[in-house]
Amino acid sequence: HFEVDSKRRVDMGFHRRSDDKIKEIFDQHTVDGRHLSKGRIVTALKQFDPIYDICNDDLENEAALIEKFDRDGDKQIDYDEFAFAVKCSNLDRKINQFVDVTVLSQILSDALPRKPGSNELIAPDAWTMIHIDAMKSAFLHGLD
């Protein structure tokens, strides 16, 4: 179960950082092509992470969401505001603060596969399961 949740969070992280995915979901929830339809803001945001990104208060009060993310004061959520809300969720800020304070990024950087006898990284599209297993092992070792 933990592994499935972790993989889903990774997938959702890619979606939150994909302009194409953000635009696709925005377009699914707009009538006029410029603003999210009333009553669809929470539904649209939840498509990026149905468990973690939105607190219960936000689910109950769409007006609070509009106020939170409406940067131009027009009382509507346009594409740029939606993209900002998706990419800059409270969860991401909290996690990024945690990662910045810990050495996780340095451990991951050190664990990335390198060419033999070199400090040059092996391109991710050339990674094999041997590289991935070694990277996982090195990362876990760094956490000990």
N, C-alpha and C. Protein backbone atom coordinates (compact mmCIF):
# COMPACT_ATOMS: atom_id res chain seq x y z
N HIS A 1 0.83 -1.20 0.00
CA HIS A 1 0.00 0.00 0.00
C HIS A 1 0.87 1.27 0.00
N PHE A 2 1.92 1.28 0.84
CA PHE A 2 2.81 2.43 0.90
C PHE A 2 3.48 2.68 -0.44
N GLU A 3 3.91 1.59 -1.10
CA GLU A 3 4.58 1.72 -2.38
C GLU A 3 3.63 2.30 -3.44
N VAL A 4 2.38 1.85 -3.44
CA VAL A 4 1.39 2.36 -4.38
C VAL A 4 1.14 3.85 -4.13
N ASP A 5 0.97 4.24 -2.86
CA ASP A 5 0.77 5.65 -2.53
C ASP A 5 1.96 6.48 -2.95
N SER A 6 3.17 5.98 -2.71
CA SER A 6 4.38 6.71 -3.09
C SER A 6 4.45 6.91 -4.60
N LYS A 7 4.15 5.87 -5.33
CA LYS A 7 4.18 5.98 -6.80
C LYS A 7 3.11 6.97 -7.28
N ARG A 8 1.93 6.93 -6.65
CA ARG A 8 0.88 7.86 -7.04
C ARG A 8 1.30 9.30 -6.76
N ARG A 9 1.96 9.53 -5.62
CA ARG A 9 2.43 10.88 -5.30
C ARG A 9 3.46 11.36 -6.30
N VAL A 10 4.34 10.45 -6.75
CA VAL A 10 5.34 10.81 -7.76
C VAL A 10 4.63 11.19 -9.06
N ASP A 11 3.65 10.37 -9.47
CA ASP A 11 2.89 10.68 -10.69
C ASP A 11 2.19 12.04 -10.57
N MET A 12 1.55 12.27 -9.42
CA MET A 12 0.85 13.54 -9.22
C MET A 12 1.83 14.71 -9.20
N GLY A 13 3.03 14.49 -8.69
CA GLY A 13 4.05 15.54 -8.71
C GLY A 13 4.42 15.91 -10.13
N PHE A 14 4.57 14.91 -11.00
CA PHE A 14 4.84 15.19 -12.41
C PHE A 14 3.68 15.97 -13.03
N HIS A 15 2.46 15.57 -12.71
CA HIS A 15 1.29 16.27 -13.25
C HIS A 15 1.26 17.72 -12.79
N ARG A 16 1.57 17.97 -11.51
CA ARG A 16 1.55 19.35 -10.98
C ARG A 16 2.60 20.22 -11.63
N ARG A 17 3.64 19.61 -12.17
CA ARG A 17 4.69 20.40 -12.80
C ARG A 17 4.59 20.40 -14.33
N SER A 18 3.56 19.79 -14.87
CA SER A 18 3.39 19.71 -16.32
C SER A 18 2.38 20.77 -16.79
N ASP A 19 2.88 21.74 -17.55
CA ASP A 19 1.98 22.78 -18.08
C ASP A 19 0.89 22.17 -18.95
N ASP A 20 1.24 21.14 -19.73
CA ASP A 20 0.24 20.49 -20.59
C ASP A 20 -0.87 19.85 -19.77
N LYS A 21 -0.50 19.15 -18.68
CA LYS A 21 -1.50 18.49 -17.83
C LYS A 21 -2.36 19.53 -17.12
N ILE A 22 -1.73 20.60 -16.64
CA ILE A 22 -2.49 21.66 -15.96
C ILE A 22 -3.50 22.27 -16.93
N LYS A 23 -3.07 22.54 -18.16
CA LYS A 23 -3.97 23.12 -19.17
C LYS A 23 -5.10 22.15 -19.51
N GLU A 24 -4.77 20.88 -19.64
CA GLU A 24 -5.79 19.87 -19.96
C GLU A 24 -6.88 19.85 -18.89
N ILE A 25 -6.48 19.83 -17.63
CA ILE A 25 -7.47 19.78 -16.55
C ILE A 25 -8.22 21.10 -16.44
N PHE A 26 -7.53 22.22 -16.61
CA PHE A 26 -8.20 23.51 -16.60
C PHE A 26 -9.29 23.54 -17.66
N ASP A 27 -8.95 23.10 -18.87
CA ASP A 27 -9.91 23.11 -19.98
C ASP A 27 -11.13 22.21 -19.71
N GLN A 28 -10.94 21.15 -18.94
CA GLN A 28 -12.05 20.26 -18.61
C GLN A 28 -13.05 20.93 -17.67
N HIS A 29 -12.62 21.96 -16.96
CA HIS A 29 -13.45 22.56 -15.91
C HIS A 29 -13.81 24.03 -16.19
N THR A 30 -13.70 24.44 -17.43
CA THR A 30 -14.05 25.82 -17.77
C THR A 30 -15.15 25.81 -18.84
N VAL A 31 -16.03 26.77 -18.74
CA VAL A 31 -17.09 26.91 -19.73
C VAL A 31 -16.68 27.92 -20.80
N ASP A 32 -16.08 29.03 -20.35
CA ASP A 32 -15.74 30.11 -21.28
C ASP A 32 -14.31 30.03 -21.81
N GLY A 33 -13.52 29.04 -21.34
CA GLY A 33 -12.15 28.90 -21.81
C GLY A 33 -11.17 29.83 -21.10
N ARG A 34 -11.67 30.70 -20.23
CA ARG A 34 -10.80 31.66 -19.55
C ARG A 34 -10.80 31.52 -18.04
N HIS A 35 -11.89 31.03 -17.46
CA HIS A 35 -12.01 30.94 -16.00
C HIS A 35 -12.59 29.58 -15.62
N LEU A 36 -12.18 29.10 -14.44
CA LEU A 36 -12.79 27.87 -13.94
C LEU A 36 -14.25 28.12 -13.65
N SER A 37 -15.07 27.14 -14.00
CA SER A 37 -16.50 27.25 -13.75
C SER A 37 -16.77 27.21 -12.25
N LYS A 38 -17.82 27.92 -11.83
CA LYS A 38 -18.23 27.89 -10.42
C LYS A 38 -18.53 26.45 -10.02
N GLY A 39 -18.10 26.10 -8.84
CA GLY A 39 -18.33 24.76 -8.34
C GLY A 39 -17.35 23.72 -8.86
N ARG A 40 -16.41 24.13 -9.70
CA ARG A 40 -15.47 23.17 -10.30
C ARG A 40 -14.04 23.37 -9.81
N ILE A 41 -13.79 24.39 -9.00
CA ILE A 41 -12.42 24.69 -8.58
C ILE A 41 -11.85 23.55 -7.74
N VAL A 42 -12.60 23.12 -6.73
CA VAL A 42 -12.12 22.05 -5.86
C VAL A 42 -11.92 20.77 -6.67
N THR A 43 -12.87 20.44 -7.52
CA THR A 43 -12.77 19.23 -8.34
C THR A 43 -11.53 19.28 -9.22
N ALA A 44 -11.26 20.43 -9.83
CA ALA A 44 -10.09 20.56 -10.69
C ALA A 44 -8.80 20.41 -9.88
N LEU A 45 -8.73 21.06 -8.73
CA LEU A 45 -7.53 20.96 -7.90
C LEU A 45 -7.31 19.54 -7.38
N LYS A 46 -8.40 18.87 -7.04
CA LYS A 46 -8.28 17.52 -6.50
C LYS A 46 -7.75 16.53 -7.53
N GLN A 47 -7.86 16.83 -8.80
CA GLN A 47 -7.32 15.93 -9.82
C GLN A 47 -5.81 15.83 -9.74
N PHE A 48 -5.18 16.80 -9.10
CA PHE A 48 -3.72 16.76 -8.99
C PHE A 48 -3.24 16.01 -7.77
N ASP A 49 -4.06 15.85 -6.78
CA ASP A 49 -3.73 15.03 -5.63
C ASP A 49 -4.94 14.92 -4.74
N PRO A 50 -5.74 13.89 -4.93
CA PRO A 50 -7.02 13.79 -4.24
C PRO A 50 -6.94 13.66 -2.72
N ILE A 51 -5.78 13.34 -2.18
CA ILE A 51 -5.70 13.14 -0.74
C ILE A 51 -5.04 14.31 -0.03
N TYR A 52 -3.97 14.86 -0.56
CA TYR A 52 -3.10 15.70 0.23
C TYR A 52 -3.21 17.21 0.01
N ASP A 53 -3.60 17.67 -1.13
CA ASP A 53 -3.41 19.09 -1.44
C ASP A 53 -4.44 20.05 -0.85
N ILE A 54 -5.62 19.59 -0.55
CA ILE A 54 -6.68 20.51 -0.16
C ILE A 54 -7.19 20.15 1.22
N CYS A 55 -7.28 21.13 2.08
CA CYS A 55 -7.77 20.86 3.43
C CYS A 55 -9.31 20.88 3.44
N ASN A 56 -9.90 20.36 4.51
CA ASN A 56 -11.37 20.26 4.59
C ASN A 56 -12.04 21.62 4.51
N ASP A 57 -11.44 22.66 5.10
CA ASP A 57 -12.03 23.99 5.01
C ASP A 57 -12.17 24.44 3.56
N ASP A 58 -11.15 24.14 2.74
CA ASP A 58 -11.20 24.51 1.33
C ASP A 58 -12.30 23.76 0.60
N LEU A 59 -12.49 22.48 0.96
CA LEU A 59 -13.54 21.69 0.31
C LEU A 59 -14.92 22.27 0.58
N GLU A 60 -15.10 22.84 1.76
CA GLU A 60 -16.41 23.36 2.15
C GLU A 60 -16.64 24.80 1.69
N ASN A 61 -15.59 25.49 1.30
CA ASN A 61 -15.75 26.90 1.02
C ASN A 61 -15.00 27.31 -0.25
N GLU A 62 -15.66 27.20 -1.37
CA GLU A 62 -15.04 27.57 -2.63
C GLU A 62 -14.63 29.04 -2.65
N ALA A 63 -15.41 29.88 -1.98
CA ALA A 63 -15.07 31.31 -1.93
C ALA A 63 -13.70 31.53 -1.30
N ALA A 64 -13.36 30.72 -0.31
CA ALA A 64 -12.05 30.84 0.33
C ALA A 64 -10.94 30.48 -0.65
N LEU A 65 -11.20 29.47 -1.49
CA LEU A 65 -10.21 29.10 -2.52
C LEU A 65 -10.03 30.23 -3.52
N ILE A 66 -11.13 30.81 -3.95
CA ILE A 66 -11.04 31.92 -4.91
C ILE A 66 -10.23 33.06 -4.30
N GLU A 67 -10.55 33.40 -3.06
CA GLU A 67 -9.82 34.48 -2.39
C GLU A 67 -8.34 34.15 -2.23
N LYS A 68 -8.06 32.90 -1.96
CA LYS A 68 -6.68 32.45 -1.74
C LYS A 68 -5.84 32.55 -3.01
N PHE A 69 -6.42 32.21 -4.16
CA PHE A 69 -5.64 32.11 -5.39
C PHE A 69 -5.91 33.21 -6.42
N ASP A 70 -6.92 34.03 -6.20
CA ASP A 70 -7.27 35.09 -7.15
C ASP A 70 -6.29 36.25 -7.00
N ARG A 71 -5.29 36.30 -7.86
CA ARG A 71 -4.24 37.32 -7.73
C ARG A 71 -4.61 38.64 -8.38
N ASP A 72 -5.57 38.64 -9.32
CA ASP A 72 -5.92 39.90 -9.98
C ASP A 72 -7.18 40.53 -9.41
N GLY A 73 -7.80 39.88 -8.42
CA GLY A 73 -8.94 40.47 -7.72
C GLY A 73 -10.26 40.46 -8.47
N ASP A 74 -10.38 39.64 -9.54
CA ASP A 74 -11.62 39.64 -10.30
C ASP A 74 -12.64 38.62 -9.79
N LYS A 75 -12.33 37.97 -8.67
CA LYS A 75 -13.23 37.00 -8.01
C LYS A 75 -13.47 35.75 -8.87
N GLN A 76 -12.52 35.46 -9.77
CA GLN A 76 -12.56 34.27 -10.61
C GLN A 76 -11.15 33.69 -10.68
N ILE A 77 -11.06 32.43 -11.07
CA ILE A 77 -9.76 31.79 -11.21
C ILE A 77 -9.48 31.56 -12.69
N ASP A 78 -8.49 32.30 -13.23
CA ASP A 78 -8.10 32.12 -14.62
C ASP A 78 -7.00 31.06 -14.70
N TYR A 79 -6.53 30.80 -15.92
CA TYR A 79 -5.54 29.73 -16.09
C TYR A 79 -4.26 30.00 -15.30
N ASP A 80 -3.72 31.21 -15.38
CA ASP A 80 -2.47 31.50 -14.67
C ASP A 80 -2.62 31.32 -13.16
N GLU A 81 -3.74 31.73 -12.62
CA GLU A 81 -3.99 31.57 -11.19
C GLU A 81 -4.14 30.09 -10.82
N PHE A 82 -4.80 29.35 -11.70
CA PHE A 82 -4.95 27.91 -11.46
C PHE A 82 -3.59 27.22 -11.51
N ALA A 83 -2.79 27.55 -12.50
CA ALA A 83 -1.46 26.95 -12.62
C ALA A 83 -0.61 27.28 -11.39
N PHE A 84 -0.70 28.51 -10.91
CA PHE A 84 0.02 28.90 -9.70
C PHE A 84 -0.45 28.09 -8.51
N ALA A 85 -1.77 27.92 -8.37
CA ALA A 85 -2.33 27.16 -7.25
C ALA A 85 -1.85 25.72 -7.29
N VAL A 86 -1.82 25.14 -8.47
CA VAL A 86 -1.41 23.74 -8.61
C VAL A 86 0.08 23.59 -8.32
N LYS A 87 0.90 24.45 -8.90
CA LYS A 87 2.34 24.31 -8.77
C LYS A 87 2.86 24.74 -7.39
N CYS A 88 2.14 25.58 -6.71
CA CYS A 88 2.62 26.13 -5.44
C CYS A 88 1.71 25.73 -4.29
N SER A 89 1.29 24.48 -4.27
CA SER A 89 0.39 24.04 -3.21
C SER A 89 1.08 24.13 -1.85
N ASN A 90 0.29 24.24 -0.78
CA ASN A 90 0.84 24.27 0.57
C ASN A 90 1.68 23.03 0.84
N LEU A 91 1.22 21.89 0.35
CA LEU A 91 1.95 20.65 0.57
C LEU A 91 3.35 20.76 -0.04
N ASP A 92 3.43 21.23 -1.30
CA ASP A 92 4.74 21.34 -1.94
C ASP A 92 5.65 22.27 -1.16
N ARG A 93 5.12 23.40 -0.69
CA ARG A 93 5.96 24.33 0.07
C ARG A 93 6.47 23.68 1.35
N LYS A 94 5.61 22.96 2.06
CA LYS A 94 6.02 22.30 3.30
C LYS A 94 7.05 21.21 3.01
N ILE A 95 6.82 20.42 1.98
CA ILE A 95 7.77 19.36 1.65
C ILE A 95 9.09 19.95 1.19
N ASN A 96 9.03 20.98 0.33
CA ASN A 96 10.26 21.60 -0.14
C ASN A 96 11.06 22.21 1.01
N GLN A 97 10.37 22.81 1.98
CA GLN A 97 11.07 23.33 3.16
C GLN A 97 11.76 22.19 3.90
N PHE A 98 11.06 21.06 4.06
CA PHE A 98 11.65 19.90 4.73
C PHE A 98 12.87 19.40 3.97
N VAL A 99 12.74 19.27 2.65
CA VAL A 99 13.84 18.75 1.84
C VAL A 99 15.02 19.72 1.89
N ASP A 100 14.75 21.03 1.85
CA ASP A 100 15.83 22.01 1.91
C ASP A 100 16.59 21.94 3.22
N VAL A 101 15.90 21.65 4.30
CA VAL A 101 16.53 21.60 5.62
C VAL A 101 17.30 20.30 5.81
N THR A 102 16.83 19.23 5.23
CA THR A 102 17.50 17.95 5.36
C THR A 102 18.52 17.79 4.24
N VAL A 103 19.20 16.68 4.26
CA VAL A 103 20.22 16.44 3.24
C VAL A 103 19.71 15.49 2.15
N LEU A 104 18.38 15.34 2.04
CA LEU A 104 17.83 14.40 1.07
C LEU A 104 18.30 14.69 -0.35
N SER A 105 18.29 15.96 -0.74
CA SER A 105 18.70 16.28 -2.11
C SER A 105 20.18 15.95 -2.33
N GLN A 106 21.00 16.17 -1.31
CA GLN A 106 22.42 15.85 -1.45
C GLN A 106 22.64 14.34 -1.52
N ILE A 107 21.88 13.59 -0.70
CA ILE A 107 22.00 12.13 -0.74
C ILE A 107 21.58 11.62 -2.11
N LEU A 108 20.47 12.12 -2.63
CA LEU A 108 20.01 11.70 -3.95
C LEU A 108 21.04 12.06 -5.01
N SER A 109 21.58 13.27 -4.94
CA SER A 109 22.59 13.69 -5.90
C SER A 109 23.80 12.77 -5.86
N ASP A 110 24.24 12.42 -4.66
CA ASP A 110 25.39 11.53 -4.52
C ASP A 110 25.09 10.12 -5.01
N ALA A 111 23.83 9.71 -4.94
CA ALA A 111 23.44 8.35 -5.31
C ALA A 111 23.20 8.18 -6.81
N LEU A 112 23.08 9.28 -7.55
CA LEU A 112 22.82 9.16 -8.99
C LEU A 112 23.95 8.39 -9.69
N PRO A 113 23.60 7.54 -10.65
CA PRO A 113 24.63 6.72 -11.32
C PRO A 113 25.57 7.56 -12.18
N ARG A 114 26.84 7.23 -12.06
CA ARG A 114 27.90 7.92 -12.81
C ARG A 114 28.59 6.94 -13.76
N LYS A 115 29.23 7.50 -14.77
CA LYS A 115 30.02 6.65 -15.68
C LYS A 115 31.24 6.13 -14.91
N PRO A 116 31.65 4.89 -15.18
CA PRO A 116 32.78 4.30 -14.45
C PRO A 116 34.03 5.17 -14.54
N GLY A 117 34.66 5.39 -13.38
CA GLY A 117 35.89 6.17 -13.31
C GLY A 117 35.71 7.64 -13.59
N SER A 118 34.47 8.13 -13.51
CA SER A 118 34.18 9.52 -13.87
C SER A 118 33.14 10.07 -12.92
N ASN A 119 33.02 11.38 -12.91
CA ASN A 119 31.95 12.01 -12.13
C ASN A 119 30.79 12.40 -13.05
N GLU A 120 30.86 12.02 -14.33
CA GLU A 120 29.83 12.35 -15.31
C GLU A 120 28.60 11.46 -15.10
N LEU A 121 27.44 12.09 -15.01
CA LEU A 121 26.20 11.34 -14.78
C LEU A 121 25.82 10.50 -16.00
N ILE A 122 25.22 9.36 -15.71
CA ILE A 122 24.61 8.55 -16.76
C ILE A 122 23.22 9.12 -17.00
N ALA A 123 22.87 9.33 -18.25
CA ALA A 123 21.57 9.90 -18.59
C ALA A 123 20.45 8.98 -18.10
N PRO A 124 19.38 9.55 -17.51
CA PRO A 124 18.29 8.73 -16.98
C PRO A 124 17.70 7.76 -18.00
N ASP A 125 17.67 8.12 -19.27
CA ASP A 125 17.09 7.20 -20.26
C ASP A 125 18.00 6.00 -20.53
N ALA A 126 19.23 6.03 -20.00
CA ALA A 126 20.15 4.90 -20.15
C ALA A 126 20.24 4.05 -18.88
N TRP A 127 19.51 4.43 -17.83
CA TRP A 127 19.54 3.67 -16.59
C TRP A 127 18.94 2.29 -16.81
N THR A 128 19.57 1.32 -16.18
CA THR A 128 19.04 -0.03 -16.16
C THR A 128 18.55 -0.32 -14.74
N MET A 129 17.97 -1.48 -14.56
CA MET A 129 17.54 -1.86 -13.21
C MET A 129 18.74 -1.96 -12.27
N ILE A 130 19.89 -2.29 -12.79
CA ILE A 130 21.11 -2.34 -11.96
C ILE A 130 21.42 -0.95 -11.43
N HIS A 131 21.33 0.07 -12.30
CA HIS A 131 21.57 1.45 -11.86
C HIS A 131 20.55 1.87 -10.82
N ILE A 132 19.29 1.56 -11.07
CA ILE A 132 18.21 1.97 -10.16
C ILE A 132 18.35 1.28 -8.81
N ASP A 133 18.65 -0.01 -8.83
CA ASP A 133 18.84 -0.73 -7.56
C ASP A 133 20.04 -0.18 -6.79
N ALA A 134 21.12 0.13 -7.50
CA ALA A 134 22.30 0.69 -6.84
C ALA A 134 22.00 2.07 -6.26
N MET A 135 21.24 2.86 -7.01
CA MET A 135 20.88 4.21 -6.55
C MET A 135 19.99 4.10 -5.32
N LYS A 136 19.03 3.18 -5.34
CA LYS A 136 18.13 2.98 -4.19
C LYS A 136 18.94 2.54 -2.97
N SER A 137 19.85 1.62 -3.17
CA SER A 137 20.68 1.12 -2.08
C SER A 137 21.55 2.24 -1.49
N ALA A 138 22.16 3.02 -2.37
CA ALA A 138 23.01 4.14 -1.91
C ALA A 138 22.18 5.19 -1.17
N PHE A 139 20.99 5.48 -1.68
CA PHE A 139 20.12 6.47 -1.04
C PHE A 139 19.73 6.00 0.36
N LEU A 140 19.30 4.75 0.46
CA LEU A 140 18.93 4.18 1.76
C LEU A 140 20.12 4.17 2.72
N HIS A 141 21.31 3.87 2.19
CA HIS A 141 22.52 3.89 3.01
C HIS A 141 22.76 5.30 3.56
N GLY A 142 22.52 6.31 2.72
CA GLY A 142 22.70 7.70 3.15
C GLY A 142 21.72 8.12 4.23
N LEU A 143 20.58 7.45 4.29
CA LEU A 143 19.58 7.78 5.32
C LEU A 143 19.91 7.15 6.67
N ASP A 144 20.75 6.11 6.65
CA ASP A 144 21.11 5.44 7.92
C ASP A 144 21.90 6.31 8.85
